[in-house]
Amino acid sequence: MDGSESHDKASWTKAMLHTFCDICIKAIEKGMRPNTHFDKAGWKFIITAFKEQTGHSFTKSQLKNKWDGSKKDWRIWKKLISETGVGWSSELGTISASDEWWKTKIQVYFLVTYYLK
């Protein structure tokens, strides 16, 4: 559980990501992220809860990589969604904007294609 068992890249589904986020929120609400990082008890909680809820036994390193990557994605999403003329399609689960807006943003943020789905 210390994260040193494996360095393999974890394979994630959308449902697993949602479960992971819910578990992280619970850990934060329980005070297991006193500053900017989860403490030891927080990671133990996350690892255990994730395995119980998904059946997948990921290492601390794999979960931390997902956390760090998700934070980067969220920052990009937050910046994009706050722009004028942009909305959120709950039906599609994607950013709603004109084709011209997307062309401009794809040139600026090649990672934004992740949100096109």
C-alpha atoms as a PDB file:
ATOM      1  CA  MET A   1       0.000   0.000   0.000  1.00  0.00           C
ATOM      2  CA  ASP A   2       2.958   2.331   0.082  1.00  0.00           C
ATOM      3  CA  GLY A   3       2.900   2.732  -3.684  1.00  0.00           C
ATOM      4  CA  SER A   4       6.143   0.904  -4.403  1.00  0.00           C
ATOM      5  CA  GLU A   5       4.661  -2.399  -5.635  1.00  0.00           C
ATOM      6  CA  SER A   6       4.374  -1.454  -9.291  1.00  0.00           C
ATOM      7  CA  HIS A   7       5.124   1.283 -11.758  1.00  0.00           C
ATOM      8  CA  ASP A   8       2.601   0.101 -14.355  1.00  0.00           C
ATOM      9  CA  LYS A   9       0.223   2.672 -15.772  1.00  0.00           C
ATOM     10  CA  ALA A  10      -3.288   2.189 -14.425  1.00  0.00           C
ATOM     11  CA  SER A  11      -6.190   1.847 -16.845  1.00  0.00           C
ATOM     12  CA  TRP A  12      -9.170   4.037 -15.912  1.00  0.00           C
ATOM     13  CA  THR A  13     -12.828   4.034 -16.888  1.00  0.00           C
ATOM     14  CA  LYS A  14     -15.101   7.047 -16.520  1.00  0.00           C
ATOM     15  CA  ALA A  15     -16.930   5.293 -13.655  1.00  0.00           C
ATOM     16  CA  MET A  16     -13.644   4.631 -11.849  1.00  0.00           C
ATOM     17  CA  LEU A  17     -12.677   8.299 -12.172  1.00  0.00           C
ATOM     18  CA  HIS A  18     -16.026   9.406 -10.711  1.00  0.00           C
ATOM     19  CA  THR A  19     -15.594   6.962  -7.808  1.00  0.00           C
ATOM     20  CA  PHE A  20     -12.032   8.170  -7.237  1.00  0.00           C
ATOM     21  CA  CYS A  21     -13.162  11.813  -7.157  1.00  0.00           C
ATOM     22  CA  ASP A  22     -15.968  10.995  -4.693  1.00  0.00           C
ATOM     23  CA  ILE A  23     -13.494   9.189  -2.421  1.00  0.00           C
ATOM     24  CA  CYS A  24     -11.030  12.097  -2.575  1.00  0.00           C
ATOM     25  CA  ILE A  25     -13.817  14.540  -1.674  1.00  0.00           C
ATOM     26  CA  LYS A  26     -14.704  12.380   1.341  1.00  0.00           C
ATOM     27  CA  ALA A  27     -11.047  12.288   2.406  1.00  0.00           C
ATOM     28  CA  ILE A  28     -10.859  16.088   2.170  1.00  0.00           C
ATOM     29  CA  GLU A  29     -14.085  16.466   4.165  1.00  0.00           C
ATOM     30  CA  LYS A  30     -12.613  14.166   6.850  1.00  0.00           C
ATOM     31  CA  GLY A  31      -9.588  16.486   7.149  1.00  0.00           C
ATOM     32  CA  MET A  32      -7.115  14.121   5.488  1.00  0.00           C
ATOM     33  CA  ARG A  33      -5.749  16.886   3.272  1.00  0.00           C
ATOM     34  CA  PRO A  34      -4.715  19.454   5.862  1.00  0.00           C
ATOM     35  CA  ASN A  35      -2.772  21.612   3.419  1.00  0.00           C
ATOM     36  CA  THR A  36      -2.108  20.984  -0.250  1.00  0.00           C
ATOM     37  CA  HIS A  37      -1.485  17.226  -0.073  1.00  0.00           C
ATOM     38  CA  PHE A  38      -3.224  14.181   1.347  1.00  0.00           C
ATOM     39  CA  ASP A  39      -1.595  12.953   4.527  1.00  0.00           C
ATOM     40  CA  LYS A  40      -0.610   9.319   5.186  1.00  0.00           C
ATOM     41  CA  ALA A  41      -4.030   8.475   6.630  1.00  0.00           C
ATOM     42  CA  GLY A  42      -5.664  10.122   3.626  1.00  0.00           C
ATOM     43  CA  TRP A  43      -3.795   7.974   1.112  1.00  0.00           C
ATOM     44  CA  LYS A  44      -4.513   4.845   3.127  1.00  0.00           C
ATOM     45  CA  PHE A  45      -8.215   5.768   3.155  1.00  0.00           C
ATOM     46  CA  ILE A  46      -8.218   6.468  -0.595  1.00  0.00           C
ATOM     47  CA  ILE A  47      -6.386   3.243  -1.499  1.00  0.00           C
ATOM     48  CA  THR A  48      -8.643   1.105   0.698  1.00  0.00           C
ATOM     49  CA  ALA A  49     -11.924   2.769  -0.290  1.00  0.00           C
ATOM     50  CA  PHE A  50     -11.029   2.651  -3.983  1.00  0.00           C
ATOM     51  CA  LYS A  51     -10.286  -1.070  -3.818  1.00  0.00           C
ATOM     52  CA  GLU A  52     -13.503  -1.746  -1.870  1.00  0.00           C
ATOM     53  CA  GLN A  53     -15.675   0.252  -4.262  1.00  0.00           C
ATOM     54  CA  THR A  54     -14.102  -0.710  -7.601  1.00  0.00           C
ATOM     55  CA  GLY A  55     -12.326  -4.004  -6.986  1.00  0.00           C
ATOM     56  CA  HIS A  56      -9.124  -2.482  -8.401  1.00  0.00           C
ATOM     57  CA  SER A  57      -6.000  -2.482  -6.286  1.00  0.00           C
ATOM     58  CA  PHE A  58      -4.025   0.541  -7.469  1.00  0.00           C
ATOM     59  CA  THR A  59      -0.867   1.734  -5.780  1.00  0.00           C
ATOM     60  CA  LYS A  60      -0.476   5.097  -4.089  1.00  0.00           C
ATOM     61  CA  SER A  61       1.728   6.157  -6.987  1.00  0.00           C
ATOM     62  CA  GLN A  62      -0.934   5.251  -9.562  1.00  0.00           C
ATOM     63  CA  LEU A  63      -3.654   7.068  -7.621  1.00  0.00           C
ATOM     64  CA  LYS A  64      -1.446  10.109  -7.038  1.00  0.00           C
ATOM     65  CA  ASN A  65      -0.649  10.272 -10.753  1.00  0.00           C
ATOM     66  CA  LYS A  66      -4.392  10.281 -11.475  1.00  0.00           C
ATOM     67  CA  TRP A  67      -4.967  12.968  -8.836  1.00  0.00           C
ATOM     68  CA  ASP A  68      -2.220  15.182 -10.281  1.00  0.00           C
ATOM     69  CA  GLY A  69      -3.401  14.676 -13.866  1.00  0.00           C
ATOM     70  CA  SER A  70      -7.019  15.324 -12.917  1.00  0.00           C
ATOM     71  CA  LYS A  71      -6.040  18.586 -11.211  1.00  0.00           C
ATOM     72  CA  LYS A  72      -4.329  19.741 -14.422  1.00  0.00           C
ATOM     73  CA  ASP A  73      -7.393  18.778 -16.481  1.00  0.00           C
ATOM     74  CA  TRP A  74      -9.682  20.585 -14.041  1.00  0.00           C
ATOM     75  CA  ARG A  75      -7.617  23.773 -14.244  1.00  0.00           C
ATOM     76  CA  ILE A  76      -7.859  23.741 -18.052  1.00  0.00           C
ATOM     77  CA  TRP A  77     -11.598  22.993 -17.905  1.00  0.00           C
ATOM     78  CA  LYS A  78     -12.196  25.770 -15.365  1.00  0.00           C
ATOM     79  CA  LYS A  79     -10.359  28.297 -17.527  1.00  0.00           C
ATOM     80  CA  LEU A  80     -12.207  27.256 -20.692  1.00  0.00           C
ATOM     81  CA  ILE A  81     -15.694  27.105 -19.166  1.00  0.00           C
ATOM     82  CA  SER A  82     -15.337  30.595 -17.674  1.00  0.00           C
ATOM     83  CA  GLU A  83     -14.927  32.262 -21.069  1.00  0.00           C
ATOM     84  CA  THR A  84     -17.706  34.311 -22.641  1.00  0.00           C
ATOM     85  CA  GLY A  85     -19.856  32.400 -25.116  1.00  0.00           C
ATOM     86  CA  VAL A  86     -19.032  29.008 -23.637  1.00  0.00           C
ATOM     87  CA  GLY A  87     -21.424  26.740 -21.819  1.00  0.00           C
ATOM     88  CA  TRP A  88     -21.720  23.234 -20.460  1.00  0.00           C
ATOM     89  CA  SER A  89     -23.899  20.600 -22.078  1.00  0.00           C
ATOM     90  CA  SER A  90     -25.181  18.387 -19.261  1.00  0.00           C
ATOM     91  CA  GLU A  91     -26.795  16.155 -21.849  1.00  0.00           C
ATOM     92  CA  LEU A  92     -23.503  15.469 -23.637  1.00  0.00           C
ATOM     93  CA  GLY A  93     -21.161  16.057 -20.696  1.00  0.00           C
ATOM     94  CA  THR A  94     -18.998  18.380 -22.775  1.00  0.00           C
ATOM     95  CA  ILE A  95     -18.151  22.023 -23.239  1.00  0.00           C
ATOM     96  CA  SER A  96     -20.593  23.711 -25.612  1.00  0.00           C
ATOM     97  CA  ALA A  97     -19.029  26.298 -27.940  1.00  0.00           C
ATOM     98  CA  SER A  98     -18.850  27.303 -31.589  1.00  0.00           C
ATOM     99  CA  ASP A  99     -16.596  25.525 -34.086  1.00  0.00           C
ATOM    100  CA  GLU A 100     -14.566  28.732 -34.453  1.00  0.00           C
ATOM    101  CA  TRP A 101     -13.994  28.866 -30.668  1.00  0.00           C
ATOM    102  CA  TRP A 102     -12.791  25.252 -30.693  1.00  0.00           C
ATOM    103  CA  LYS A 103     -10.398  25.873 -33.605  1.00  0.00           C
ATOM    104  CA  THR A 104      -8.831  28.774 -31.723  1.00  0.00           C
ATOM    105  CA  LYS A 105      -8.552  26.862 -28.446  1.00  0.00           C
ATOM    106  CA  ILE A 106      -7.147  23.728 -30.055  1.00  0.00           C
ATOM    107  CA  GLN A 107      -4.340  25.841 -31.454  1.00  0.00           C
ATOM    108  CA  VAL A 108      -3.668  27.277 -28.002  1.00  0.00           C
ATOM    109  CA  TYR A 109      -4.337  24.165 -25.906  1.00  0.00           C
ATOM    110  CA  PHE A 110      -3.710  20.979 -27.830  1.00  0.00           C
ATOM    111  CA  LEU A 111      -4.855  19.118 -24.690  1.00  0.00           C
ATOM    112  CA  VAL A 112      -8.322  20.622 -25.004  1.00  0.00           C
ATOM    113  CA  THR A 113      -9.238  17.904 -27.530  1.00  0.00           C
ATOM    114  CA  TYR A 114      -9.683  15.659 -24.509  1.00  0.00           C
ATOM    115  CA  TYR A 115     -12.915  17.528 -23.769  1.00  0.00           C
ATOM    116  CA  LEU A 116     -14.330  17.133 -27.286  1.00  0.00           C
ATOM    117  CA  LYS A 117     -15.062  13.414 -26.866  1.00  0.00           C
END
